[in-house]
Amino acid sequence: MRRPTLALCVVLGLGMLTGCSGGGPYCDAADRGEDSLKTFGQLDSAAFTSYAEVTTDIAKSAPKDVQAEWKAVAKATRRVVAAHDKADIRIQDMTDEEAVNALSQDDLDRIQAANEAFNDTATQRRDLAQHLHDECGIDLPKK
């Protein structure tokens, strides 16, 4: 009777280990920010602000082979948030034609440049989502 129980424990133990294969500060930071990371794609100032904070936090403990990518994503996200803050318009209000028409050309240019820089990180974001899956067992949308 002991042999099947021992085998079951070994199998269950291995399953638990593979769910968090990387561990450590990087996976801990990603795990703490998982909810925010999963909100990616919501065109909402609060979601972007949280995403910027989480990606900045993860970048601090990311392995060297992906640290530059995390920093680039964090910087681009912070830039989007800052451009909207400076223009005093929430991201979700960019669909309001009247609100957008009230913005100065400088504000519009700043927002557009920030959005383009963020969009340029699309490949990095997909690669980082895959890295979190491989290293930490965290599944994120690959947008």
C-alpha atoms as a PDB file:
ATOM      1  CA  MET A   1       0.000   0.000   0.000  1.00  0.00           C
ATOM      2  CA  ARG A   2       2.823   2.413   0.666  1.00  0.00           C
ATOM      3  CA  ARG A   3       4.213   2.267  -2.850  1.00  0.00           C
ATOM      4  CA  PRO A   4       1.125   3.798  -4.635  1.00  0.00           C
ATOM      5  CA  THR A   5       0.843   6.515  -1.986  1.00  0.00           C
ATOM      6  CA  LEU A   6       4.521   7.411  -2.369  1.00  0.00           C
ATOM      7  CA  ALA A   7       4.181   7.485  -6.161  1.00  0.00           C
ATOM      8  CA  LEU A   8       1.140   9.731  -5.912  1.00  0.00           C
ATOM      9  CA  CYS A   9       2.985  12.122  -3.604  1.00  0.00           C
ATOM     10  CA  VAL A  10       5.934  12.281  -5.987  1.00  0.00           C
ATOM     11  CA  VAL A  11       3.664  12.965  -8.970  1.00  0.00           C
ATOM     12  CA  LEU A  12       1.696  15.620  -7.094  1.00  0.00           C
ATOM     13  CA  GLY A  13       4.893  17.193  -5.818  1.00  0.00           C
ATOM     14  CA  LEU A  14       6.329  17.472  -9.321  1.00  0.00           C
ATOM     15  CA  GLY A  15       3.130  19.062 -10.552  1.00  0.00           C
ATOM     16  CA  MET A  16       3.337  21.716  -7.878  1.00  0.00           C
ATOM     17  CA  LEU A  17       6.960  22.472  -8.683  1.00  0.00           C
ATOM     18  CA  THR A  18       6.369  22.961 -12.390  1.00  0.00           C
ATOM     19  CA  GLY A  19       3.616  25.480 -11.649  1.00  0.00           C
ATOM     20  CA  CYS A  20       6.233  27.879 -10.331  1.00  0.00           C
ATOM     21  CA  SER A  21       9.434  26.657 -11.920  1.00  0.00           C
ATOM     22  CA  GLY A  22      11.369  29.924 -11.668  1.00  0.00           C
ATOM     23  CA  GLY A  23      10.376  31.189  -8.235  1.00  0.00           C
ATOM     24  CA  GLY A  24      12.320  33.899  -6.515  1.00  0.00           C
ATOM     25  CA  PRO A  25      11.835  37.673  -6.571  1.00  0.00           C
ATOM     26  CA  TYR A  26      10.987  37.808 -10.293  1.00  0.00           C
ATOM     27  CA  CYS A  27       8.130  35.326 -10.099  1.00  0.00           C
ATOM     28  CA  ASP A  28       7.026  36.786  -6.770  1.00  0.00           C
ATOM     29  CA  ALA A  29       6.772  40.271  -8.341  1.00  0.00           C
ATOM     30  CA  ALA A  30       4.896  38.849 -11.327  1.00  0.00           C
ATOM     31  CA  ASP A  31       2.574  36.891  -9.057  1.00  0.00           C
ATOM     32  CA  ARG A  32       1.791  40.023  -6.997  1.00  0.00           C
ATOM     33  CA  GLY A  33       1.012  41.911 -10.189  1.00  0.00           C
ATOM     34  CA  GLU A  34      -0.783  39.123 -12.043  1.00  0.00           C
ATOM     35  CA  ASP A  35      -4.241  40.695 -11.736  1.00  0.00           C
ATOM     36  CA  SER A  36      -2.973  43.969 -13.160  1.00  0.00           C
ATOM     37  CA  LEU A  37      -1.069  42.216 -15.925  1.00  0.00           C
ATOM     38  CA  LYS A  38      -4.232  40.370 -16.900  1.00  0.00           C
ATOM     39  CA  THR A  39      -6.124  43.668 -17.290  1.00  0.00           C
ATOM     40  CA  PHE A  40      -3.825  44.597 -20.137  1.00  0.00           C
ATOM     41  CA  GLY A  41      -5.835  45.739 -23.112  1.00  0.00           C
ATOM     42  CA  GLN A  42      -8.352  47.703 -21.076  1.00  0.00           C
ATOM     43  CA  LEU A  43      -8.246  51.261 -22.344  1.00  0.00           C
ATOM     44  CA  ASP A  44      -8.597  52.730 -18.903  1.00  0.00           C
ATOM     45  CA  SER A  45      -6.321  55.124 -17.027  1.00  0.00           C
ATOM     46  CA  ALA A  46      -6.464  53.151 -13.781  1.00  0.00           C
ATOM     47  CA  ALA A  47      -5.567  49.897 -15.561  1.00  0.00           C
ATOM     48  CA  PHE A  48      -2.659  51.543 -17.410  1.00  0.00           C
ATOM     49  CA  THR A  49      -1.389  53.184 -14.222  1.00  0.00           C
ATOM     50  CA  SER A  50      -1.451  49.862 -12.402  1.00  0.00           C
ATOM     51  CA  TYR A  51       0.182  48.114 -15.385  1.00  0.00           C
ATOM     52  CA  ALA A  52       2.959  50.744 -15.368  1.00  0.00           C
ATOM     53  CA  GLU A  53       3.600  50.209 -11.654  1.00  0.00           C
ATOM     54  CA  VAL A  54       3.624  46.421 -11.951  1.00  0.00           C
ATOM     55  CA  THR A  55       5.913  46.305 -14.977  1.00  0.00           C
ATOM     56  CA  THR A  56       8.307  48.714 -13.256  1.00  0.00           C
ATOM     57  CA  ASP A  57       8.327  46.477 -10.169  1.00  0.00           C
ATOM     58  CA  ILE A  58       8.905  43.323 -12.209  1.00  0.00           C
ATOM     59  CA  ALA A  59      11.721  44.987 -14.172  1.00  0.00           C
ATOM     60  CA  LYS A  60      13.632  45.545 -10.925  1.00  0.00           C
ATOM     61  CA  SER A  61      13.905  41.811 -10.244  1.00  0.00           C
ATOM     62  CA  ALA A  62      13.768  40.437 -13.794  1.00  0.00           C
ATOM     63  CA  PRO A  63      16.528  38.123 -14.975  1.00  0.00           C
ATOM     64  CA  LYS A  64      19.212  39.893 -17.006  1.00  0.00           C
ATOM     65  CA  ASP A  65      18.088  38.233 -20.255  1.00  0.00           C
ATOM     66  CA  VAL A  66      14.662  39.945 -20.097  1.00  0.00           C
ATOM     67  CA  GLN A  67      15.313  42.948 -17.867  1.00  0.00           C
ATOM     68  CA  ALA A  68      15.776  45.406 -20.745  1.00  0.00           C
ATOM     69  CA  GLU A  69      12.471  44.306 -22.262  1.00  0.00           C
ATOM     70  CA  TRP A  70      10.628  44.781 -18.961  1.00  0.00           C
ATOM     71  CA  LYS A  71      12.197  48.215 -18.588  1.00  0.00           C
ATOM     72  CA  ALA A  72      11.159  49.181 -22.125  1.00  0.00           C
ATOM     73  CA  VAL A  73       7.558  48.084 -21.550  1.00  0.00           C
ATOM     74  CA  ALA A  74       7.431  49.851 -18.180  1.00  0.00           C
ATOM     75  CA  LYS A  75       8.867  53.064 -19.643  1.00  0.00           C
ATOM     76  CA  ALA A  76       6.473  53.050 -22.594  1.00  0.00           C
ATOM     77  CA  THR A  77       3.499  52.426 -20.309  1.00  0.00           C
ATOM     78  CA  ARG A  78       4.524  55.198 -17.906  1.00  0.00           C
ATOM     79  CA  ARG A  79       4.898  57.508 -20.903  1.00  0.00           C
ATOM     80  CA  VAL A  80       1.290  56.854 -21.985  1.00  0.00           C
ATOM     81  CA  VAL A  81       0.050  57.551 -18.462  1.00  0.00           C
ATOM     82  CA  ALA A  82       2.142  60.736 -18.209  1.00  0.00           C
ATOM     83  CA  ALA A  83       0.962  62.045 -21.591  1.00  0.00           C
ATOM     84  CA  HIS A  84      -2.672  61.640 -20.599  1.00  0.00           C
ATOM     85  CA  ASP A  85      -2.054  63.130 -17.151  1.00  0.00           C
ATOM     86  CA  LYS A  86      -0.323  66.156 -18.666  1.00  0.00           C
ATOM     87  CA  ALA A  87      -3.216  66.639 -21.094  1.00  0.00           C
ATOM     88  CA  ASP A  88      -5.678  66.152 -18.214  1.00  0.00           C
ATOM     89  CA  ILE A  89      -7.650  63.518 -20.097  1.00  0.00           C
ATOM     90  CA  ARG A  90      -8.288  59.945 -19.062  1.00  0.00           C
ATOM     91  CA  ILE A  91      -7.435  57.201 -21.533  1.00  0.00           C
ATOM     92  CA  GLN A  92     -11.050  56.046 -21.626  1.00  0.00           C
ATOM     93  CA  ASP A  93     -12.131  59.575 -22.580  1.00  0.00           C
ATOM     94  CA  MET A  94     -10.176  59.487 -25.838  1.00  0.00           C
ATOM     95  CA  THR A  95     -13.338  58.197 -27.534  1.00  0.00           C
ATOM     96  CA  ASP A  96     -15.172  61.403 -26.566  1.00  0.00           C
ATOM     97  CA  GLU A  97     -14.841  63.593 -29.644  1.00  0.00           C
ATOM     98  CA  GLU A  98     -15.632  66.788 -27.753  1.00  0.00           C
ATOM     99  CA  ALA A  99     -12.976  66.076 -25.096  1.00  0.00           C
ATOM    100  CA  VAL A 100     -10.368  65.220 -27.726  1.00  0.00           C
ATOM    101  CA  ASN A 101     -11.165  68.341 -29.770  1.00  0.00           C
ATOM    102  CA  ALA A 102     -10.546  70.443 -26.658  1.00  0.00           C
ATOM    103  CA  LEU A 103      -6.937  69.209 -26.425  1.00  0.00           C
ATOM    104  CA  SER A 104      -4.074  71.315 -27.692  1.00  0.00           C
ATOM    105  CA  GLN A 105      -2.027  70.103 -30.661  1.00  0.00           C
ATOM    106  CA  ASP A 106       0.931  69.637 -28.293  1.00  0.00           C
ATOM    107  CA  ASP A 107      -1.171  67.376 -26.070  1.00  0.00           C
ATOM    108  CA  LEU A 108      -2.402  65.383 -29.059  1.00  0.00           C
ATOM    109  CA  ASP A 109       1.130  65.015 -30.423  1.00  0.00           C
ATOM    110  CA  ARG A 110       2.445  63.902 -27.015  1.00  0.00           C
ATOM    111  CA  ILE A 111      -0.343  61.344 -26.602  1.00  0.00           C
ATOM    112  CA  GLN A 112       0.146  60.036 -30.129  1.00  0.00           C
ATOM    113  CA  ALA A 113       3.920  59.690 -29.684  1.00  0.00           C
ATOM    114  CA  ALA A 114       3.445  57.895 -26.354  1.00  0.00           C
ATOM    115  CA  ASN A 115       0.882  55.523 -27.851  1.00  0.00           C
ATOM    116  CA  GLU A 116       3.146  54.753 -30.810  1.00  0.00           C
ATOM    117  CA  ALA A 117       6.088  54.035 -28.492  1.00  0.00           C
ATOM    118  CA  PHE A 118       3.866  51.742 -26.429  1.00  0.00           C
ATOM    119  CA  ASN A 119       2.588  49.964 -29.549  1.00  0.00           C
ATOM    120  CA  ASP A 120       6.208  49.405 -30.574  1.00  0.00           C
ATOM    121  CA  THR A 121       6.592  47.142 -27.513  1.00  0.00           C
ATOM    122  CA  ALA A 122       3.969  44.636 -28.742  1.00  0.00           C
ATOM    123  CA  THR A 123       6.531  41.940 -29.591  1.00  0.00           C
ATOM    124  CA  GLN A 124       8.292  42.458 -26.275  1.00  0.00           C
ATOM    125  CA  ARG A 125       5.003  42.158 -24.378  1.00  0.00           C
ATOM    126  CA  ARG A 126       4.184  38.871 -26.120  1.00  0.00           C
ATOM    127  CA  ASP A 127       7.694  37.541 -25.457  1.00  0.00           C
ATOM    128  CA  LEU A 128       7.495  38.571 -21.795  1.00  0.00           C
ATOM    129  CA  ALA A 129       4.116  36.887 -21.389  1.00  0.00           C
ATOM    130  CA  GLN A 130       5.695  33.699 -22.747  1.00  0.00           C
ATOM    131  CA  HIS A 131       8.676  34.134 -20.415  1.00  0.00           C
ATOM    132  CA  LEU A 132       6.391  34.474 -17.393  1.00  0.00           C
ATOM    133  CA  HIS A 133       4.583  31.322 -18.480  1.00  0.00           C
ATOM    134  CA  ASP A 134       7.836  29.403 -18.906  1.00  0.00           C
ATOM    135  CA  GLU A 135       9.594  30.664 -15.773  1.00  0.00           C
ATOM    136  CA  CYS A 136       6.765  31.252 -13.329  1.00  0.00           C
ATOM    137  CA  GLY A 137       3.772  29.309 -14.596  1.00  0.00           C
ATOM    138  CA  ILE A 138       1.766  32.510 -15.043  1.00  0.00           C
ATOM    139  CA  ASP A 139      -0.520  32.642 -18.065  1.00  0.00           C
ATOM    140  CA  LEU A 140      -1.231  36.088 -19.478  1.00  0.00           C
ATOM    141  CA  PRO A 141      -2.979  37.279 -22.610  1.00  0.00           C
ATOM    142  CA  LYS A 142      -0.379  37.622 -25.345  1.00  0.00           C
ATOM    143  CA  LYS A 143      -1.463  40.976 -26.796  1.00  0.00           C
END
